[in-house]
All heavy atoms as atom14 arrays in JSON, in Angstrom:
{
  "sequence": "SFYEKAVAYSNAKNEQEVLKWYRKAADGGHVTAMYHVGWYYENALGD",
  "atom14_mask": [
    [1, 1, 1, 1, 1, 1, 0, 0, 0, 0, 0, 0, 0, 0],
    [1, 1, 1, 1, 1, 1, 1, 1, 1, 1, 1, 0, 0, 0],
    [1, 1, 1, 1, 1, 1, 1, 1, 1, 1, 1, 1, 0, 0],
    [1, 1, 1, 1, 1, 1, 1, 1, 1, 0, 0, 0, 0, 0],
    [1, 1, 1, 1, 1, 1, 1, 1, 1, 0, 0, 0, 0, 0],
    [1, 1, 1, 1, 1, 0, 0, 0, 0, 0, 0, 0, 0, 0],
    [1, 1, 1, 1, 1, 1, 1, 0, 0, 0, 0, 0, 0, 0],
    [1, 1, 1, 1, 1, 0, 0, 0, 0, 0, 0, 0, 0, 0],
    [1, 1, 1, 1, 1, 1, 1, 1, 1, 1, 1, 1, 0, 0],
    [1, 1, 1, 1, 1, 1, 0, 0, 0, 0, 0, 0, 0, 0],
    [1, 1, 1, 1, 1, 1, 1, 1, 0, 0, 0, 0, 0, 0],
    [1, 1, 1, 1, 1, 0, 0, 0, 0, 0, 0, 0, 0, 0],
    [1, 1, 1, 1, 1, 1, 1, 1, 1, 0, 0, 0, 0, 0],
    [1, 1, 1, 1, 1, 1, 1, 1, 0, 0, 0, 0, 0, 0],
    [1, 1, 1, 1, 1, 1, 1, 1, 1, 0, 0, 0, 0, 0],
    [1, 1, 1, 1, 1, 1, 1, 1, 1, 0, 0, 0, 0, 0],
    [1, 1, 1, 1, 1, 1, 1, 1, 1, 0, 0, 0, 0, 0],
    [1, 1, 1, 1, 1, 1, 1, 0, 0, 0, 0, 0, 0, 0],
    [1, 1, 1, 1, 1, 1, 1, 1, 0, 0, 0, 0, 0, 0],
    [1, 1, 1, 1, 1, 1, 1, 1, 1, 0, 0, 0, 0, 0],
    [1, 1, 1, 1, 1, 1, 1, 1, 1, 1, 1, 1, 1, 1],
    [1, 1, 1, 1, 1, 1, 1, 1, 1, 1, 1, 1, 0, 0],
    [1, 1, 1, 1, 1, 1, 1, 1, 1, 1, 1, 0, 0, 0],
    [1, 1, 1, 1, 1, 1, 1, 1, 1, 0, 0, 0, 0, 0],
    [1, 1, 1, 1, 1, 0, 0, 0, 0, 0, 0, 0, 0, 0],
    [1, 1, 1, 1, 1, 0, 0, 0, 0, 0, 0, 0, 0, 0],
    [1, 1, 1, 1, 1, 1, 1, 1, 0, 0, 0, 0, 0, 0],
    [1, 1, 1, 1, 0, 0, 0, 0, 0, 0, 0, 0, 0, 0],
    [1, 1, 1, 1, 0, 0, 0, 0, 0, 0, 0, 0, 0, 0],
    [1, 1, 1, 1, 1, 1, 1, 1, 1, 1, 0, 0, 0, 0],
    [1, 1, 1, 1, 1, 1, 1, 0, 0, 0, 0, 0, 0, 0],
    [1, 1, 1, 1, 1, 1, 1, 0, 0, 0, 0, 0, 0, 0],
    [1, 1, 1, 1, 1, 0, 0, 0, 0, 0, 0, 0, 0, 0],
    [1, 1, 1, 1, 1, 1, 1, 1, 0, 0, 0, 0, 0, 0],
    [1, 1, 1, 1, 1, 1, 1, 1, 1, 1, 1, 1, 0, 0],
    [1, 1, 1, 1, 1, 1, 1, 1, 1, 1, 0, 0, 0, 0],
    [1, 1, 1, 1, 1, 1, 1, 0, 0, 0, 0, 0, 0, 0],
    [1, 1, 1, 1, 0, 0, 0, 0, 0, 0, 0, 0, 0, 0],
    [1, 1, 1, 1, 1, 1, 1, 1, 1, 1, 1, 1, 1, 1],
    [1, 1, 1, 1, 1, 1, 1, 1, 1, 1, 1, 1, 0, 0],
    [1, 1, 1, 1, 1, 1, 1, 1, 1, 1, 1, 1, 0, 0],
    [1, 1, 1, 1, 1, 1, 1, 1, 1, 0, 0, 0, 0, 0],
    [1, 1, 1, 1, 1, 1, 1, 1, 0, 0, 0, 0, 0, 0],
    [1, 1, 1, 1, 1, 0, 0, 0, 0, 0, 0, 0, 0, 0],
    [1, 1, 1, 1, 1, 1, 1, 1, 0, 0, 0, 0, 0, 0],
    [1, 1, 1, 1, 0, 0, 0, 0, 0, 0, 0, 0, 0, 0],
    [1, 1, 1, 1, 1, 1, 1, 1, 0, 0, 0, 0, 0, 0]
  ],
  "atom14_positions": [
    [[-50.07, 138.05, 127.97], [-50.84, 139.09, 127.17], [-51.1, 138.55, 125.76], [-52.17, 138.77, 125.16], [-50.16, 140.43, 127.2], [-48.96, 140.37, 126.45], [0.0, 0.0, 0.0], [0.0, 0.0, 0.0], [0.0, 0.0, 0.0], [0.0, 0.0, 0.0], [0.0, 0.0, 0.0], [0.0, 0.0, 0.0], [0.0, 0.0, 0.0], [0.0, 0.0, 0.0]],
    [[-50.15, 137.84, 125.2], [-50.31, 137.29, 123.82], [-51.45, 136.23, 123.88], [-52.31, 136.17, 123.0], [-49.01, 136.65, 123.33], [-47.9, 137.62, 123.1], [-46.57, 137.24, 123.13], [-48.19, 138.96, 122.77], [-45.52, 138.07, 122.88], [-47.18, 139.81, 122.51], [-45.81, 139.45, 122.56], [0.0, 0.0, 0.0], [0.0, 0.0, 0.0], [0.0, 0.0, 0.0]],
    [[-51.39, 135.45, 124.96], [-52.42, 134.39, 125.15], [-53.8, 135.01, 125.23], [-54.73, 134.53, 124.61], [-52.1, 133.54, 126.3], [-53.12, 132.46, 126.5], [-53.05, 131.24, 125.82], [-54.13, 132.57, 127.53], [-54.02, 130.25, 126.05], [-55.04, 131.63, 127.75], [-55.0, 130.44, 127.03], [-55.96, 129.44, 127.2], [0.0, 0.0, 0.0], [0.0, 0.0, 0.0]],
    [[-53.9, 136.05, 126.03], [-55.2, 136.76, 126.23], [-55.7, 137.32, 124.91], [-56.93, 137.35, 124.57], [-55.06, 137.79, 127.3], [-54.92, 137.2, 128.69], [-54.53, 138.21, 129.71], [-54.44, 139.45, 129.4], [-54.38, 137.82, 130.85], [0.0, 0.0, 0.0], [0.0, 0.0, 0.0], [0.0, 0.0, 0.0], [0.0, 0.0, 0.0], [0.0, 0.0, 0.0]],
    [[-54.73, 137.81, 124.02], [-55.19, 138.36, 122.71], [-55.72, 137.16, 121.85], [-56.78, 137.33, 121.12], [-54.01, 138.98, 122.03], [-53.66, 140.39, 122.58], [-52.57, 141.01, 121.8], [-52.25, 142.44, 122.29], [-51.19, 143.1, 121.57], [0.0, 0.0, 0.0], [0.0, 0.0, 0.0], [0.0, 0.0, 0.0], [0.0, 0.0, 0.0], [0.0, 0.0, 0.0]],
    [[-55.09, 136.03, 121.95], [-55.54, 134.86, 121.23], [-56.94, 134.5, 121.63], [-57.85, 134.19, 120.76], [-54.61, 133.64, 121.45], [0.0, 0.0, 0.0], [0.0, 0.0, 0.0], [0.0, 0.0, 0.0], [0.0, 0.0, 0.0], [0.0, 0.0, 0.0], [0.0, 0.0, 0.0], [0.0, 0.0, 0.0], [0.0, 0.0, 0.0], [0.0, 0.0, 0.0]],
    [[-57.21, 134.53, 122.89], [-58.58, 134.23, 123.43], [-59.57, 135.17, 122.98], [-60.67, 134.82, 122.56], [-58.53, 134.13, 124.95], [-59.94, 133.92, 125.53], [-57.69, 132.99, 125.46], [0.0, 0.0, 0.0], [0.0, 0.0, 0.0], [0.0, 0.0, 0.0], [0.0, 0.0, 0.0], [0.0, 0.0, 0.0], [0.0, 0.0, 0.0], [0.0, 0.0, 0.0]],
    [[-59.22, 136.5, 122.95], [-60.08, 137.54, 122.47], [-60.46, 137.3, 121.0], [-61.64, 137.42, 120.55], [-59.51, 138.86, 122.65], [0.0, 0.0, 0.0], [0.0, 0.0, 0.0], [0.0, 0.0, 0.0], [0.0, 0.0, 0.0], [0.0, 0.0, 0.0], [0.0, 0.0, 0.0], [0.0, 0.0, 0.0], [0.0, 0.0, 0.0], [0.0, 0.0, 0.0]],
    [[-59.45, 136.99, 120.16], [-59.75, 136.78, 118.7], [-60.54, 135.46, 118.58], [-61.3, 135.33, 117.57], [-58.41, 136.68, 117.93], [-57.88, 138.08, 117.55], [-56.72, 138.52, 118.15], [-58.57, 138.86, 116.66], [-56.2, 139.79, 117.78], [-58.1, 140.1, 116.3], [-56.93, 140.57, 116.88], [-56.43, 141.84, 116.51], [0.0, 0.0, 0.0], [0.0, 0.0, 0.0]],
    [[-60.32, 134.47, 119.45], [-61.1, 133.22, 119.36], [-62.58, 133.52, 119.59], [-63.48, 132.97, 118.92], [-60.59, 132.28, 120.51], [-61.33, 131.07, 120.45], [0.0, 0.0, 0.0], [0.0, 0.0, 0.0], [0.0, 0.0, 0.0], [0.0, 0.0, 0.0], [0.0, 0.0, 0.0], [0.0, 0.0, 0.0], [0.0, 0.0, 0.0], [0.0, 0.0, 0.0]],
    [[-62.95, 134.41, 120.48], [-64.32, 134.82, 120.69], [-64.9, 135.56, 119.47], [-66.1, 135.4, 119.18], [-64.4, 135.79, 121.96], [-64.03, 135.04, 123.21], [-64.21, 133.81, 123.3], [-63.62, 135.77, 124.21], [0.0, 0.0, 0.0], [0.0, 0.0, 0.0], [0.0, 0.0, 0.0], [0.0, 0.0, 0.0], [0.0, 0.0, 0.0], [0.0, 0.0, 0.0]],
    [[-64.0, 136.19, 118.74], [-64.43, 136.87, 117.5], [-64.39, 135.93, 116.29], [-64.71, 136.32, 115.15], [-63.54, 138.08, 117.25], [0.0, 0.0, 0.0], [0.0, 0.0, 0.0], [0.0, 0.0, 0.0], [0.0, 0.0, 0.0], [0.0, 0.0, 0.0], [0.0, 0.0, 0.0], [0.0, 0.0, 0.0], [0.0, 0.0, 0.0], [0.0, 0.0, 0.0]],
    [[-63.97, 134.66, 116.53], [-63.87, 133.63, 115.49], [-63.0, 134.01, 114.34], [-63.29, 133.76, 113.15], [-65.29, 133.25, 114.98], [-66.19, 132.71, 116.11], [-67.54, 132.29, 115.59], [-68.33, 131.76, 116.7], [-69.73, 131.34, 116.28], [0.0, 0.0, 0.0], [0.0, 0.0, 0.0], [0.0, 0.0, 0.0], [0.0, 0.0, 0.0], [0.0, 0.0, 0.0]],
    [[-61.82, 134.61, 114.63], [-60.86, 134.95, 113.67], [-59.65, 134.03, 113.86], [-58.74, 134.23, 114.56], [-60.37, 136.41, 113.81], [-59.43, 136.84, 112.72], [-58.78, 136.04, 112.1], [-59.42, 138.12, 112.45], [0.0, 0.0, 0.0], [0.0, 0.0, 0.0], [0.0, 0.0, 0.0], [0.0, 0.0, 0.0], [0.0, 0.0, 0.0], [0.0, 0.0, 0.0]],
    [[-59.7, 132.81, 113.17], [-58.8, 131.72, 113.47], [-57.32, 132.07, 113.14], [-56.45, 131.62, 113.81], [-59.19, 130.5, 112.75], [-60.55, 129.89, 113.18], [-60.54, 129.27, 114.56], [-59.42, 129.26, 115.14], [-61.61, 128.86, 115.04], [0.0, 0.0, 0.0], [0.0, 0.0, 0.0], [0.0, 0.0, 0.0], [0.0, 0.0, 0.0], [0.0, 0.0, 0.0]],
    [[-57.11, 132.83, 112.08], [-55.73, 133.17, 111.67], [-55.06, 134.05, 112.75], [-53.91, 133.89, 113.08], [-55.74, 133.82, 110.3], [-56.02, 132.8, 109.25], [-55.88, 133.43, 107.86], [-55.72, 134.67, 107.67], [-55.93, 132.59, 106.79], [0.0, 0.0, 0.0], [0.0, 0.0, 0.0], [0.0, 0.0, 0.0], [0.0, 0.0, 0.0], [0.0, 0.0, 0.0]],
    [[-55.8, 135.04, 113.23], [-55.3, 135.91, 114.29], [-55.12, 135.1, 115.6], [-54.17, 135.33, 116.35], [-56.23, 137.07, 114.56], [-56.15, 138.2, 113.58], [-54.67, 138.82, 113.54], [-54.3, 139.24, 114.64], [-54.06, 138.91, 112.51], [0.0, 0.0, 0.0], [0.0, 0.0, 0.0], [0.0, 0.0, 0.0], [0.0, 0.0, 0.0], [0.0, 0.0, 0.0]],
    [[-56.07, 134.22, 115.9], [-55.92, 133.35, 117.09], [-54.61, 132.59, 117.0], [-53.86, 132.6, 118.01], [-57.13, 132.37, 117.16], [-56.91, 131.4, 118.32], [-58.42, 133.08, 117.36], [0.0, 0.0, 0.0], [0.0, 0.0, 0.0], [0.0, 0.0, 0.0], [0.0, 0.0, 0.0], [0.0, 0.0, 0.0], [0.0, 0.0, 0.0], [0.0, 0.0, 0.0]],
    [[-54.36, 131.9, 115.92], [-53.18, 131.21, 115.76], [-51.91, 132.07, 115.93], [-50.95, 131.63, 116.61], [-53.12, 130.45, 114.4], [-51.86, 129.68, 114.06], [-51.65, 128.58, 115.06], [-51.95, 129.14, 112.6], [0.0, 0.0, 0.0], [0.0, 0.0, 0.0], [0.0, 0.0, 0.0], [0.0, 0.0, 0.0], [0.0, 0.0, 0.0], [0.0, 0.0, 0.0]],
    [[-51.93, 133.21, 115.3], [-50.76, 134.1, 115.39], [-50.37, 134.45, 116.84], [-49.24, 134.31, 117.26], [-51.07, 135.43, 114.63], [-49.88, 136.43, 114.62], [-50.17, 137.65, 113.91], [-50.95, 138.62, 114.79], [-51.18, 139.98, 114.13], [0.0, 0.0, 0.0], [0.0, 0.0, 0.0], [0.0, 0.0, 0.0], [0.0, 0.0, 0.0], [0.0, 0.0, 0.0]],
    [[-51.43, 134.68, 117.65], [-51.13, 135.1, 119.05], [-50.86, 133.9, 119.96], [-50.08, 133.99, 120.9], [-52.28, 135.95, 119.6], [-52.3, 137.3, 118.91], [-53.19, 137.7, 117.95], [-51.32, 138.35, 119.11], [-52.87, 138.97, 117.59], [-51.7, 139.43, 118.24], [-50.22, 138.5, 119.89], [-51.06, 140.61, 118.17], [-49.5, 139.72, 119.84], [-49.92, 140.74, 118.97]],
    [[-51.52, 132.74, 119.65], [-51.16, 131.52, 120.36], [-49.67, 131.14, 120.12], [-48.96, 130.77, 121.02], [-52.03, 130.33, 119.92], [-53.33, 130.2, 120.65], [-54.44, 129.73, 119.93], [-53.47, 130.5, 121.97], [-55.69, 129.61, 120.58], [-54.69, 130.43, 122.62], [-55.76, 129.93, 121.94], [-56.97, 129.85, 122.58], [0.0, 0.0, 0.0], [0.0, 0.0, 0.0]],
    [[-49.24, 131.32, 118.86], [-47.86, 130.97, 118.52], [-46.86, 131.94, 119.27], [-45.83, 131.48, 119.8], [-47.62, 131.02, 117.05], [-46.32, 130.39, 116.6], [-46.13, 130.6, 115.11], [-47.04, 129.89, 114.31], [-46.9, 128.62, 113.99], [-45.81, 127.9, 114.42], [-47.78, 127.99, 113.17], [0.0, 0.0, 0.0], [0.0, 0.0, 0.0], [0.0, 0.0, 0.0]],
    [[-47.26, 133.22, 119.28], [-46.37, 134.18, 119.97], [-46.3, 133.82, 121.5], [-45.22, 133.89, 122.13], [-46.92, 135.62, 119.8], [-46.62, 136.24, 118.47], [-47.2, 137.66, 118.43], [-46.83, 138.34, 117.11], [-45.43, 138.75, 117.07], [0.0, 0.0, 0.0], [0.0, 0.0, 0.0], [0.0, 0.0, 0.0], [0.0, 0.0, 0.0], [0.0, 0.0, 0.0]],
    [[-47.43, 133.51, 122.07], [-47.51, 133.1, 123.48], [-46.71, 131.8, 123.72], [-45.94, 131.69, 124.75], [-48.95, 132.93, 123.94], [0.0, 0.0, 0.0], [0.0, 0.0, 0.0], [0.0, 0.0, 0.0], [0.0, 0.0, 0.0], [0.0, 0.0, 0.0], [0.0, 0.0, 0.0], [0.0, 0.0, 0.0], [0.0, 0.0, 0.0], [0.0, 0.0, 0.0]],
    [[-46.81, 130.8, 122.84], [-46.15, 129.6, 122.95], [-44.64, 129.82, 122.82], [-43.84, 129.24, 123.62], [-46.61, 128.63, 121.88], [0.0, 0.0, 0.0], [0.0, 0.0, 0.0], [0.0, 0.0, 0.0], [0.0, 0.0, 0.0], [0.0, 0.0, 0.0], [0.0, 0.0, 0.0], [0.0, 0.0, 0.0], [0.0, 0.0, 0.0], [0.0, 0.0, 0.0]],
    [[-44.16, 130.65, 121.87], [-42.77, 130.96, 121.77], [-42.27, 131.67, 122.98], [-41.05, 131.59, 123.29], [-42.53, 131.83, 120.51], [-42.73, 131.0, 119.19], [-42.69, 129.81, 119.26], [-42.95, 131.71, 118.17], [0.0, 0.0, 0.0], [0.0, 0.0, 0.0], [0.0, 0.0, 0.0], [0.0, 0.0, 0.0], [0.0, 0.0, 0.0], [0.0, 0.0, 0.0]],
    [[-43.14, 132.32, 123.7], [-42.79, 132.99, 124.95], [-42.83, 132.11, 126.17], [-42.62, 132.59, 127.31], [0.0, 0.0, 0.0], [0.0, 0.0, 0.0], [0.0, 0.0, 0.0], [0.0, 0.0, 0.0], [0.0, 0.0, 0.0], [0.0, 0.0, 0.0], [0.0, 0.0, 0.0], [0.0, 0.0, 0.0], [0.0, 0.0, 0.0], [0.0, 0.0, 0.0]],
    [[-43.15, 130.84, 125.99], [-43.13, 129.88, 127.1], [-44.48, 129.59, 127.75], [-44.58, 128.97, 128.8], [0.0, 0.0, 0.0], [0.0, 0.0, 0.0], [0.0, 0.0, 0.0], [0.0, 0.0, 0.0], [0.0, 0.0, 0.0], [0.0, 0.0, 0.0], [0.0, 0.0, 0.0], [0.0, 0.0, 0.0], [0.0, 0.0, 0.0], [0.0, 0.0, 0.0]],
    [[-45.58, 130.07, 127.09], [-46.9, 129.88, 127.65], [-47.36, 128.46, 127.39], [-47.65, 128.11, 126.22], [-47.94, 130.89, 127.09], [-49.12, 131.04, 127.86], [-50.09, 130.07, 127.93], [-49.58, 132.03, 128.7], [-51.12, 130.46, 128.73], [-50.78, 131.62, 129.22], [0.0, 0.0, 0.0], [0.0, 0.0, 0.0], [0.0, 0.0, 0.0], [0.0, 0.0, 0.0]],
    [[-47.49, 127.59, 128.39], [-47.77, 126.16, 128.22], [-49.06, 125.89, 127.53], [-49.24, 125.05, 126.66], [-47.61, 125.45, 129.52], [-47.98, 124.03, 129.43], [-46.2, 125.53, 130.05], [0.0, 0.0, 0.0], [0.0, 0.0, 0.0], [0.0, 0.0, 0.0], [0.0, 0.0, 0.0], [0.0, 0.0, 0.0], [0.0, 0.0, 0.0], [0.0, 0.0, 0.0]],
    [[-50.14, 126.54, 127.98], [-51.5, 126.37, 127.45], [-51.56, 126.73, 125.98], [-52.18, 126.05, 125.15], [-52.57, 127.12, 128.24], [-52.4, 126.78, 129.6], [-53.93, 126.76, 127.73], [0.0, 0.0, 0.0], [0.0, 0.0, 0.0], [0.0, 0.0, 0.0], [0.0, 0.0, 0.0], [0.0, 0.0, 0.0], [0.0, 0.0, 0.0], [0.0, 0.0, 0.0]],
    [[-50.76, 127.79, 125.64], [-50.74, 128.23, 124.26], [-50.1, 127.17, 123.35], [-50.47, 126.91, 122.23], [-50.01, 129.54, 124.11], [0.0, 0.0, 0.0], [0.0, 0.0, 0.0], [0.0, 0.0, 0.0], [0.0, 0.0, 0.0], [0.0, 0.0, 0.0], [0.0, 0.0, 0.0], [0.0, 0.0, 0.0], [0.0, 0.0, 0.0], [0.0, 0.0, 0.0]],
    [[-49.05, 126.46, 123.93], [-48.37, 125.35, 123.24], [-49.35, 124.28, 122.9], [-49.42, 123.75, 121.71], [-47.24, 124.77, 124.05], [-46.07, 125.72, 124.38], [-44.92, 125.01, 125.55], [-43.83, 126.37, 125.95], [0.0, 0.0, 0.0], [0.0, 0.0, 0.0], [0.0, 0.0, 0.0], [0.0, 0.0, 0.0], [0.0, 0.0, 0.0], [0.0, 0.0, 0.0]],
    [[-50.22, 123.94, 123.85], [-51.26, 122.95, 123.55], [-52.17, 123.39, 122.41], [-52.48, 122.63, 121.52], [-52.13, 122.74, 124.84], [-53.45, 122.09, 124.49], [-53.51, 120.71, 124.28], [-54.62, 122.83, 124.45], [-54.67, 120.08, 123.95], [-55.83, 122.18, 124.08], [-55.89, 120.83, 123.88], [-57.06, 120.27, 123.5], [0.0, 0.0, 0.0], [0.0, 0.0, 0.0]],
    [[-52.59, 124.6, 122.42], [-53.49, 125.15, 121.41], [-52.79, 125.16, 120.03], [-53.47, 124.9, 119.0], [-53.96, 126.54, 121.72], [-55.04, 126.55, 122.85], [-56.24, 126.03, 122.59], [-55.0, 127.05, 124.07], [-57.0, 126.18, 123.69], [-56.29, 126.83, 124.62], [0.0, 0.0, 0.0], [0.0, 0.0, 0.0], [0.0, 0.0, 0.0], [0.0, 0.0, 0.0]],
    [[-51.52, 125.49, 119.93], [-50.83, 125.4, 118.67], [-50.85, 124.01, 118.15], [-51.1, 123.77, 116.94], [-49.42, 125.92, 118.81], [-48.59, 125.66, 117.52], [-49.39, 127.42, 119.15], [0.0, 0.0, 0.0], [0.0, 0.0, 0.0], [0.0, 0.0, 0.0], [0.0, 0.0, 0.0], [0.0, 0.0, 0.0], [0.0, 0.0, 0.0], [0.0, 0.0, 0.0]],
    [[-50.61, 123.04, 119.0], [-50.73, 121.63, 118.61], [-52.08, 121.24, 118.1], [-52.19, 120.59, 117.09], [0.0, 0.0, 0.0], [0.0, 0.0, 0.0], [0.0, 0.0, 0.0], [0.0, 0.0, 0.0], [0.0, 0.0, 0.0], [0.0, 0.0, 0.0], [0.0, 0.0, 0.0], [0.0, 0.0, 0.0], [0.0, 0.0, 0.0], [0.0, 0.0, 0.0]],
    [[-53.1, 121.74, 118.79], [-54.48, 121.46, 118.41], [-54.75, 122.11, 116.95], [-55.46, 121.44, 116.23], [-55.46, 122.13, 119.39], [-56.85, 121.84, 119.1], [-57.79, 122.63, 118.57], [-57.66, 120.59, 119.4], [-59.06, 122.1, 118.46], [-58.95, 120.82, 118.96], [-57.25, 119.36, 119.96], [-59.96, 119.82, 119.07], [-58.27, 118.4, 120.05], [-59.57, 118.62, 119.59]],
    [[-54.23, 123.29, 116.73], [-54.46, 123.91, 115.41], [-53.76, 123.1, 114.34], [-54.29, 122.92, 113.18], [-53.91, 125.29, 115.45], [-54.96, 126.31, 115.88], [-55.67, 126.22, 117.05], [-55.35, 127.39, 114.97], [-56.64, 127.15, 117.38], [-56.31, 128.3, 115.34], [-57.0, 128.16, 116.53], [-57.96, 129.0, 116.85], [0.0, 0.0, 0.0], [0.0, 0.0, 0.0]],
    [[-52.56, 122.52, 114.58], [-51.92, 121.69, 113.6], [-52.66, 120.39, 113.37], [-52.86, 119.95, 112.28], [-50.46, 121.35, 114.06], [-49.49, 122.37, 113.56], [-48.84, 123.26, 114.42], [-49.12, 122.53, 112.2], [-47.92, 124.21, 114.02], [-48.18, 123.46, 111.75], [-47.6, 124.3, 112.64], [-46.7, 125.2, 112.25], [0.0, 0.0, 0.0], [0.0, 0.0, 0.0]],
    [[-53.17, 119.76, 114.44], [-53.92, 118.55, 114.35], [-55.15, 118.69, 113.6], [-55.54, 117.76, 112.77], [-54.18, 117.98, 115.77], [-54.85, 116.59, 115.68], [-55.21, 116.05, 117.09], [-54.84, 116.66, 118.09], [-55.81, 114.91, 117.12], [0.0, 0.0, 0.0], [0.0, 0.0, 0.0], [0.0, 0.0, 0.0], [0.0, 0.0, 0.0], [0.0, 0.0, 0.0]],
    [[-55.87, 119.83, 113.67], [-57.15, 119.91, 113.1], [-57.24, 120.9, 111.91], [-58.3, 121.34, 111.46], [-58.12, 120.41, 114.19], [-58.32, 119.36, 115.27], [-59.03, 118.4, 115.0], [-57.68, 119.59, 116.36], [0.0, 0.0, 0.0], [0.0, 0.0, 0.0], [0.0, 0.0, 0.0], [0.0, 0.0, 0.0], [0.0, 0.0, 0.0], [0.0, 0.0, 0.0]],
    [[-55.96, 121.3, 111.43], [-55.91, 122.17, 110.21], [-56.71, 123.43, 110.41], [-57.55, 123.85, 109.52], [-56.33, 121.42, 108.94], [0.0, 0.0, 0.0], [0.0, 0.0, 0.0], [0.0, 0.0, 0.0], [0.0, 0.0, 0.0], [0.0, 0.0, 0.0], [0.0, 0.0, 0.0], [0.0, 0.0, 0.0], [0.0, 0.0, 0.0], [0.0, 0.0, 0.0]],
    [[-56.52, 124.15, 111.54], [-57.18, 125.38, 111.79], [-56.35, 126.59, 111.4], [-55.12, 126.45, 111.17], [-57.57, 125.48, 113.28], [-58.53, 124.4, 113.74], [-58.7, 124.48, 115.25], [-59.91, 124.47, 113.08], [0.0, 0.0, 0.0], [0.0, 0.0, 0.0], [0.0, 0.0, 0.0], [0.0, 0.0, 0.0], [0.0, 0.0, 0.0], [0.0, 0.0, 0.0]],
    [[-56.97, 127.79, 111.34], [-56.17, 128.89, 110.92], [-55.81, 128.82, 109.47], [-56.59, 128.43, 108.64], [0.0, 0.0, 0.0], [0.0, 0.0, 0.0], [0.0, 0.0, 0.0], [0.0, 0.0, 0.0], [0.0, 0.0, 0.0], [0.0, 0.0, 0.0], [0.0, 0.0, 0.0], [0.0, 0.0, 0.0], [0.0, 0.0, 0.0], [0.0, 0.0, 0.0]],
    [[-54.58, 129.03, 109.14], [-54.08, 128.86, 107.78], [-53.23, 127.61, 107.64], [-52.45, 127.5, 106.72], [-53.39, 130.09, 107.28], [-52.19, 130.44, 108.13], [-52.01, 129.8, 109.19], [-51.49, 131.42, 107.85], [0.0, 0.0, 0.0], [0.0, 0.0, 0.0], [0.0, 0.0, 0.0], [0.0, 0.0, 0.0], [0.0, 0.0, 0.0], [0.0, 0.0, 0.0]]
  ]
}
């Protein structure tokens, strides 16, 4: 559900909220969210 919230905020182009929910999903063991957190760090997205 955290991951789905991240996707929803991604569609709204709110990068900080996207990152917040990807991180929550990743901390909860969501593998795809872990990838996205890595991508955000690599590309300086969100904050």
